[in-house]
Amino acid sequence: MLSINGKPQVNYGLRDTVDVPPRGNMVVRIRFFDYPGKTVLHCHILNPEDEGMMAVLQIDK
């Protein structure tokens, strides 16, 4: 995670969940080099997830 609402964040290692403020944004950088195939990137709050805050990533080697 690089930033939340434009403020740089300290990297404390691997995370699978990040809190983002309401109407906020975050910038992430992900390097997939050992895990080819499909995976999902999604919101854990059900209403936004149901409204489309979900993506399927195709990772190619």
N, C-alpha and C. Protein backbone atom coordinates (compact mmCIF):
# COMPACT_ATOMS: atom_id res chain seq x y z
N MET A 1 0.85 -1.16 0.00
CA MET A 1 0.00 0.00 0.00
C MET A 1 0.90 1.23 0.00
N LEU A 2 0.71 2.07 -0.98
CA LEU A 2 1.54 3.25 -1.11
C LEU A 2 0.95 4.46 -0.40
N SER A 3 -0.37 4.65 -0.52
CA SER A 3 -0.97 5.83 0.12
C SER A 3 -2.46 5.62 0.37
N ILE A 4 -2.99 6.37 1.35
CA ILE A 4 -4.42 6.46 1.60
C ILE A 4 -4.76 7.94 1.60
N ASN A 5 -5.72 8.32 0.75
CA ASN A 5 -6.10 9.73 0.59
C ASN A 5 -4.90 10.63 0.34
N GLY A 6 -3.94 10.12 -0.43
CA GLY A 6 -2.77 10.91 -0.80
C GLY A 6 -1.67 10.96 0.23
N LYS A 7 -1.87 10.36 1.41
CA LYS A 7 -0.86 10.38 2.46
C LYS A 7 -0.04 9.09 2.38
N PRO A 8 1.28 9.19 2.22
CA PRO A 8 2.12 7.99 2.16
C PRO A 8 1.94 7.12 3.39
N GLN A 9 1.96 5.80 3.18
CA GLN A 9 1.79 4.84 4.26
C GLN A 9 3.07 4.06 4.48
N VAL A 10 3.33 3.69 5.72
CA VAL A 10 4.48 2.87 6.05
C VAL A 10 4.12 1.42 5.76
N ASN A 11 4.98 0.70 5.08
CA ASN A 11 4.73 -0.69 4.74
C ASN A 11 5.11 -1.59 5.92
N TYR A 12 4.12 -2.25 6.49
CA TYR A 12 4.36 -3.16 7.60
C TYR A 12 4.26 -4.61 7.17
N GLY A 13 4.53 -4.90 5.92
CA GLY A 13 4.51 -6.28 5.45
C GLY A 13 3.23 -6.61 4.70
N LEU A 14 2.99 -7.89 4.53
CA LEU A 14 1.84 -8.36 3.75
C LEU A 14 0.54 -8.11 4.50
N ARG A 15 -0.47 -7.70 3.75
CA ARG A 15 -1.81 -7.48 4.32
C ARG A 15 -2.83 -8.03 3.34
N ASP A 16 -3.93 -8.52 3.87
CA ASP A 16 -5.02 -8.91 2.97
C ASP A 16 -6.24 -8.03 3.18
N THR A 17 -6.21 -7.15 4.20
CA THR A 17 -7.31 -6.25 4.47
C THR A 17 -6.76 -4.88 4.85
N VAL A 18 -7.34 -3.83 4.29
CA VAL A 18 -6.92 -2.45 4.57
C VAL A 18 -8.17 -1.61 4.78
N ASP A 19 -8.20 -0.81 5.85
CA ASP A 19 -9.32 0.10 6.08
C ASP A 19 -9.12 1.37 5.26
N VAL A 20 -10.14 1.73 4.50
CA VAL A 20 -10.12 2.96 3.72
C VAL A 20 -11.27 3.83 4.22
N PRO A 21 -11.01 5.11 4.52
CA PRO A 21 -12.09 5.97 5.03
C PRO A 21 -13.24 6.09 4.02
N PRO A 22 -14.46 6.38 4.52
CA PRO A 22 -15.58 6.58 3.60
C PRO A 22 -15.23 7.62 2.53
N ARG A 23 -15.57 7.31 1.30
CA ARG A 23 -15.28 8.16 0.14
C ARG A 23 -13.78 8.41 -0.06
N GLY A 24 -12.97 7.55 0.55
CA GLY A 24 -11.52 7.68 0.44
C GLY A 24 -10.98 6.89 -0.74
N ASN A 25 -9.67 6.94 -0.90
CA ASN A 25 -9.02 6.16 -1.94
C ASN A 25 -7.67 5.69 -1.45
N MET A 26 -7.17 4.66 -2.09
CA MET A 26 -5.83 4.17 -1.75
C MET A 26 -5.12 3.73 -3.01
N VAL A 27 -3.82 3.75 -2.94
CA VAL A 27 -2.98 3.31 -4.05
C VAL A 27 -2.18 2.11 -3.56
N VAL A 28 -2.26 1.02 -4.30
CA VAL A 28 -1.51 -0.19 -3.95
C VAL A 28 -0.61 -0.59 -5.11
N ARG A 29 0.45 -1.26 -4.78
CA ARG A 29 1.33 -1.84 -5.79
C ARG A 29 1.49 -3.31 -5.43
N ILE A 30 1.17 -4.17 -6.37
CA ILE A 30 1.21 -5.61 -6.12
C ILE A 30 2.10 -6.25 -7.17
N ARG A 31 3.01 -7.08 -6.72
CA ARG A 31 3.87 -7.81 -7.65
C ARG A 31 3.50 -9.29 -7.59
N PHE A 32 2.94 -9.78 -8.68
CA PHE A 32 2.59 -11.19 -8.78
C PHE A 32 3.62 -11.86 -9.67
N PHE A 33 4.48 -12.68 -9.08
CA PHE A 33 5.46 -13.37 -9.92
C PHE A 33 5.50 -14.86 -9.67
N ASP A 34 4.90 -15.34 -8.60
CA ASP A 34 4.89 -16.77 -8.32
C ASP A 34 3.49 -17.39 -8.34
N TYR A 35 2.48 -16.59 -8.67
CA TYR A 35 1.11 -17.07 -8.54
C TYR A 35 0.30 -16.81 -9.81
N PRO A 36 0.61 -17.50 -10.91
CA PRO A 36 -0.16 -17.28 -12.12
C PRO A 36 -1.58 -17.83 -11.97
N GLY A 37 -2.51 -17.25 -12.71
CA GLY A 37 -3.90 -17.69 -12.66
C GLY A 37 -4.82 -16.54 -12.30
N LYS A 38 -6.02 -16.89 -11.84
CA LYS A 38 -7.01 -15.88 -11.48
C LYS A 38 -7.10 -15.71 -9.97
N THR A 39 -7.36 -14.49 -9.55
CA THR A 39 -7.62 -14.17 -8.16
C THR A 39 -8.58 -12.99 -8.13
N VAL A 40 -9.16 -12.71 -6.96
CA VAL A 40 -10.09 -11.58 -6.87
C VAL A 40 -9.53 -10.48 -6.00
N LEU A 41 -9.94 -9.28 -6.32
CA LEU A 41 -9.63 -8.09 -5.54
C LEU A 41 -11.00 -7.49 -5.23
N HIS A 42 -11.35 -7.39 -3.94
CA HIS A 42 -12.72 -6.97 -3.63
C HIS A 42 -12.83 -6.27 -2.30
N CYS A 43 -13.99 -5.62 -2.11
CA CYS A 43 -14.33 -4.93 -0.89
C CYS A 43 -15.00 -5.92 0.06
N HIS A 44 -14.69 -5.85 1.36
CA HIS A 44 -15.30 -6.76 2.33
C HIS A 44 -16.59 -6.20 2.93
N ILE A 45 -16.98 -4.99 2.53
CA ILE A 45 -18.26 -4.43 2.97
C ILE A 45 -19.29 -4.85 1.92
N LEU A 46 -20.35 -5.53 2.35
CA LEU A 46 -21.23 -6.20 1.40
C LEU A 46 -21.92 -5.27 0.40
N ASN A 47 -22.45 -4.13 0.84
CA ASN A 47 -23.15 -3.26 -0.12
C ASN A 47 -22.24 -2.80 -1.25
N PRO A 48 -21.05 -2.23 -0.97
CA PRO A 48 -20.18 -1.83 -2.09
C PRO A 48 -19.74 -3.03 -2.93
N GLU A 49 -19.50 -4.16 -2.28
CA GLU A 49 -19.09 -5.35 -3.04
C GLU A 49 -20.20 -5.74 -4.01
N ASP A 50 -21.45 -5.72 -3.54
CA ASP A 50 -22.59 -6.06 -4.41
C ASP A 50 -22.76 -5.05 -5.53
N GLU A 51 -22.32 -3.81 -5.32
CA GLU A 51 -22.47 -2.78 -6.34
C GLU A 51 -21.28 -2.72 -7.30
N GLY A 52 -20.32 -3.63 -7.15
CA GLY A 52 -19.27 -3.71 -8.14
C GLY A 52 -17.86 -3.45 -7.68
N MET A 53 -17.63 -3.25 -6.39
CA MET A 53 -16.24 -3.06 -5.94
C MET A 53 -15.54 -4.40 -5.85
N MET A 54 -15.44 -5.06 -6.99
CA MET A 54 -14.82 -6.36 -7.08
C MET A 54 -14.19 -6.49 -8.46
N ALA A 55 -13.04 -7.13 -8.53
CA ALA A 55 -12.40 -7.35 -9.82
C ALA A 55 -11.76 -8.73 -9.84
N VAL A 56 -11.75 -9.36 -10.98
CA VAL A 56 -11.04 -10.61 -11.18
C VAL A 56 -9.74 -10.26 -11.90
N LEU A 57 -8.62 -10.65 -11.33
CA LEU A 57 -7.33 -10.40 -11.92
C LEU A 57 -6.81 -11.67 -12.59
N GLN A 58 -6.36 -11.55 -13.82
CA GLN A 58 -5.72 -12.66 -14.53
C GLN A 58 -4.22 -12.39 -14.49
N ILE A 59 -3.49 -13.24 -13.81
CA ILE A 59 -2.05 -13.06 -13.65
C ILE A 59 -1.33 -14.03 -14.56
N ASP A 60 -0.57 -13.49 -15.50
CA ASP A 60 0.16 -14.31 -16.47
C ASP A 60 1.65 -14.26 -16.16
N LYS A 61 2.31 -15.37 -16.43
CA LYS A 61 3.75 -15.43 -16.26
C LYS A 61 4.44 -15.07 -17.53
